[in-house]
């Protein structure tokens, strides 16, 4: 498949991913996207290699709550449906993206 967990580069992309989640599940489920700080604490990157310039963190996030290693990024957290850093082993739905090339 050659896809990655989705990266988010602006609010429009974020809302499009939310629409996909709502369409598939009929709710705003907490969902994995492709952000991580596993390589260097508090240095977030997209696993597809694109620049991590846009953020939508919830207030007080990312926080490594309880001093646990929270290296993965979930969206649709809390009342504001924003981002939260969480432990990577937790099962949850995910959104993947794949670049496509059109040949004319």
C-alpha atoms as a PDB file:
ATOM      1  CA  UNK A   1       0.000   0.000   0.000  1.00  0.00           C
ATOM      2  CA  UNK A   2       2.953   2.380   0.671  1.00  0.00           C
ATOM      3  CA  UNK A   3       0.924   4.742   2.865  1.00  0.00           C
ATOM      4  CA  UNK A   4       1.670   6.588   6.115  1.00  0.00           C
ATOM      5  CA  UNK A   5      -0.433   7.785   8.970  1.00  0.00           C
ATOM      6  CA  UNK A   6      -1.811  11.126   7.788  1.00  0.00           C
ATOM      7  CA  UNK A   7       0.079  14.366   8.292  1.00  0.00           C
ATOM      8  CA  UNK A   8      -1.809  17.636   8.748  1.00  0.00           C
ATOM      9  CA  UNK A   9      -0.453  20.861   7.262  1.00  0.00           C
ATOM     10  CA  UNK A  10      -3.331  23.289   7.774  1.00  0.00           C
ATOM     11  CA  UNK A  11      -6.810  23.667   9.248  1.00  0.00           C
ATOM     12  CA  UNK A  12      -8.456  22.702   5.950  1.00  0.00           C
ATOM     13  CA  UNK A  13      -6.671  19.328   5.939  1.00  0.00           C
ATOM     14  CA  UNK A  14      -7.577  18.822   9.595  1.00  0.00           C
ATOM     15  CA  UNK A  15     -11.262  19.393   8.900  1.00  0.00           C
ATOM     16  CA  UNK A  16     -11.133  17.090   5.864  1.00  0.00           C
ATOM     17  CA  UNK A  17      -9.713  14.302   8.035  1.00  0.00           C
ATOM     18  CA  UNK A  18     -12.435  14.970  10.614  1.00  0.00           C
ATOM     19  CA  UNK A  19     -15.060  14.650   7.862  1.00  0.00           C
ATOM     20  CA  UNK A  20     -13.575  11.288   6.836  1.00  0.00           C
ATOM     21  CA  UNK A  21     -13.701  10.070  10.438  1.00  0.00           C
ATOM     22  CA  UNK A  22     -17.289  11.270  10.882  1.00  0.00           C
ATOM     23  CA  UNK A  23     -18.319   9.638   7.613  1.00  0.00           C
ATOM     24  CA  UNK A  24     -16.790   6.297   8.615  1.00  0.00           C
ATOM     25  CA  UNK A  25     -17.812   6.194  12.281  1.00  0.00           C
ATOM     26  CA  UNK A  26     -20.670   8.721  12.674  1.00  0.00           C
ATOM     27  CA  UNK A  27     -18.746  10.397  15.513  1.00  0.00           C
ATOM     28  CA  UNK A  28     -15.505  12.270  16.133  1.00  0.00           C
ATOM     29  CA  UNK A  29     -13.494   9.313  17.427  1.00  0.00           C
ATOM     30  CA  UNK A  30     -10.054   9.825  18.903  1.00  0.00           C
ATOM     31  CA  UNK A  31      -7.888   8.808  15.980  1.00  0.00           C
ATOM     32  CA  UNK A  32      -4.190   8.286  15.264  1.00  0.00           C
ATOM     33  CA  UNK A  33      -2.472  10.626  12.828  1.00  0.00           C
ATOM     34  CA  UNK A  34       1.186  10.550  11.846  1.00  0.00           C
ATOM     35  CA  UNK A  35       2.873  12.848  14.371  1.00  0.00           C
ATOM     36  CA  UNK A  36       5.546  11.588  16.763  1.00  0.00           C
ATOM     37  CA  UNK A  37       8.306  12.783  19.069  1.00  0.00           C
ATOM     38  CA  UNK A  38       9.765   9.298  19.629  1.00  0.00           C
ATOM     39  CA  UNK A  39      13.159  10.209  18.154  1.00  0.00           C
ATOM     40  CA  UNK A  40      13.666  13.348  20.256  1.00  0.00           C
ATOM     41  CA  UNK A  41      11.427  14.363  23.152  1.00  0.00           C
ATOM     42  CA  UNK A  42       9.337  17.489  22.427  1.00  0.00           C
ATOM     43  CA  UNK A  43      10.573  17.619  18.811  1.00  0.00           C
ATOM     44  CA  UNK A  44       7.502  16.608  16.826  1.00  0.00           C
ATOM     45  CA  UNK A  45       7.719  15.384  13.244  1.00  0.00           C
ATOM     46  CA  UNK A  46       5.448  13.823  10.631  1.00  0.00           C
ATOM     47  CA  UNK A  47       6.356  10.237   9.841  1.00  0.00           C
ATOM     48  CA  UNK A  48       6.000  10.950   6.106  1.00  0.00           C
ATOM     49  CA  UNK A  49       8.901  13.417   6.372  1.00  0.00           C
ATOM     50  CA  UNK A  50       6.922  16.581   5.626  1.00  0.00           C
ATOM     51  CA  UNK A  51       7.575  19.674   7.814  1.00  0.00           C
ATOM     52  CA  UNK A  52       5.688  19.829  11.138  1.00  0.00           C
ATOM     53  CA  UNK A  53       4.605  23.470  10.865  1.00  0.00           C
ATOM     54  CA  UNK A  54       0.856  23.433  11.614  1.00  0.00           C
ATOM     55  CA  UNK A  55      -0.380  22.328  15.054  1.00  0.00           C
ATOM     56  CA  UNK A  56      -3.752  22.019  16.760  1.00  0.00           C
ATOM     57  CA  UNK A  57      -2.718  21.023  20.299  1.00  0.00           C
ATOM     58  CA  UNK A  58      -5.291  21.061  23.079  1.00  0.00           C
ATOM     59  CA  UNK A  59      -4.517  23.504  25.906  1.00  0.00           C
ATOM     60  CA  UNK A  60      -1.613  22.148  27.985  1.00  0.00           C
ATOM     61  CA  UNK A  61      -0.568  19.639  25.300  1.00  0.00           C
ATOM     62  CA  UNK A  62       1.744  17.989  24.504  1.00  0.00           C
ATOM     63  CA  UNK A  63       2.428  17.131  28.129  1.00  0.00           C
ATOM     64  CA  UNK A  64       3.696  13.538  28.610  1.00  0.00           C
ATOM     65  CA  UNK A  65       0.990  13.218  31.282  1.00  0.00           C
ATOM     66  CA  UNK A  66       2.090  11.307  34.360  1.00  0.00           C
ATOM     67  CA  UNK A  67       5.690  11.265  33.095  1.00  0.00           C
ATOM     68  CA  UNK A  68       4.745   8.509  30.707  1.00  0.00           C
ATOM     69  CA  UNK A  69       6.358   8.368  27.328  1.00  0.00           C
ATOM     70  CA  UNK A  70       3.628   9.828  25.130  1.00  0.00           C
ATOM     71  CA  UNK A  71       5.237   9.816  21.698  1.00  0.00           C
ATOM     72  CA  UNK A  72       2.211   9.513  19.405  1.00  0.00           C
ATOM     73  CA  UNK A  73      -0.443  11.987  18.308  1.00  0.00           C
ATOM     74  CA  UNK A  74      -4.207  11.518  18.456  1.00  0.00           C
ATOM     75  CA  UNK A  75      -6.767  13.963  17.128  1.00  0.00           C
ATOM     76  CA  UNK A  76     -10.359  14.694  18.235  1.00  0.00           C
ATOM     77  CA  UNK A  77      -9.414  14.876  21.916  1.00  0.00           C
ATOM     78  CA  UNK A  78     -11.644  16.664  24.418  1.00  0.00           C
ATOM     79  CA  UNK A  79     -14.364  19.235  23.849  1.00  0.00           C
ATOM     80  CA  UNK A  80     -12.320  21.173  21.277  1.00  0.00           C
ATOM     81  CA  UNK A  81     -11.490  18.052  19.196  1.00  0.00           C
ATOM     82  CA  UNK A  82      -7.840  19.045  19.233  1.00  0.00           C
ATOM     83  CA  UNK A  83      -4.534  17.134  19.476  1.00  0.00           C
ATOM     84  CA  UNK A  84      -3.173  15.174  22.425  1.00  0.00           C
ATOM     85  CA  UNK A  85       0.071  13.254  22.882  1.00  0.00           C
ATOM     86  CA  UNK A  86      -0.571   9.691  24.058  1.00  0.00           C
ATOM     87  CA  UNK A  87       1.220   6.407  24.534  1.00  0.00           C
ATOM     88  CA  UNK A  88       1.633   4.638  21.214  1.00  0.00           C
ATOM     89  CA  UNK A  89       0.436   1.200  22.315  1.00  0.00           C
ATOM     90  CA  UNK A  90      -3.199   2.224  22.797  1.00  0.00           C
ATOM     91  CA  UNK A  91      -5.510   0.793  20.139  1.00  0.00           C
ATOM     92  CA  UNK A  92      -7.530   3.359  18.190  1.00  0.00           C
ATOM     93  CA  UNK A  93      -8.667   4.017  14.637  1.00  0.00           C
ATOM     94  CA  UNK A  94      -6.164   5.627  12.298  1.00  0.00           C
ATOM     95  CA  UNK A  95      -6.175   7.704   9.139  1.00  0.00           C
ATOM     96  CA  UNK A  96      -3.584   6.966   6.479  1.00  0.00           C
ATOM     97  CA  UNK A  97      -2.589   8.936   3.400  1.00  0.00           C
ATOM     98  CA  UNK A  98      -0.914   7.933   0.187  1.00  0.00           C
ATOM     99  CA  UNK A  99       0.502  10.098  -2.565  1.00  0.00           C
ATOM    100  CA  UNK A 100      -0.972   9.328  -5.937  1.00  0.00           C
ATOM    101  CA  UNK A 101       0.417  10.196  -9.307  1.00  0.00           C
ATOM    102  CA  UNK A 102      -1.905  10.938 -12.171  1.00  0.00           C
ATOM    103  CA  UNK A 103      -0.762   9.995 -15.634  1.00  0.00           C
ATOM    104  CA  UNK A 104      -2.482  11.821 -18.450  1.00  0.00           C
END
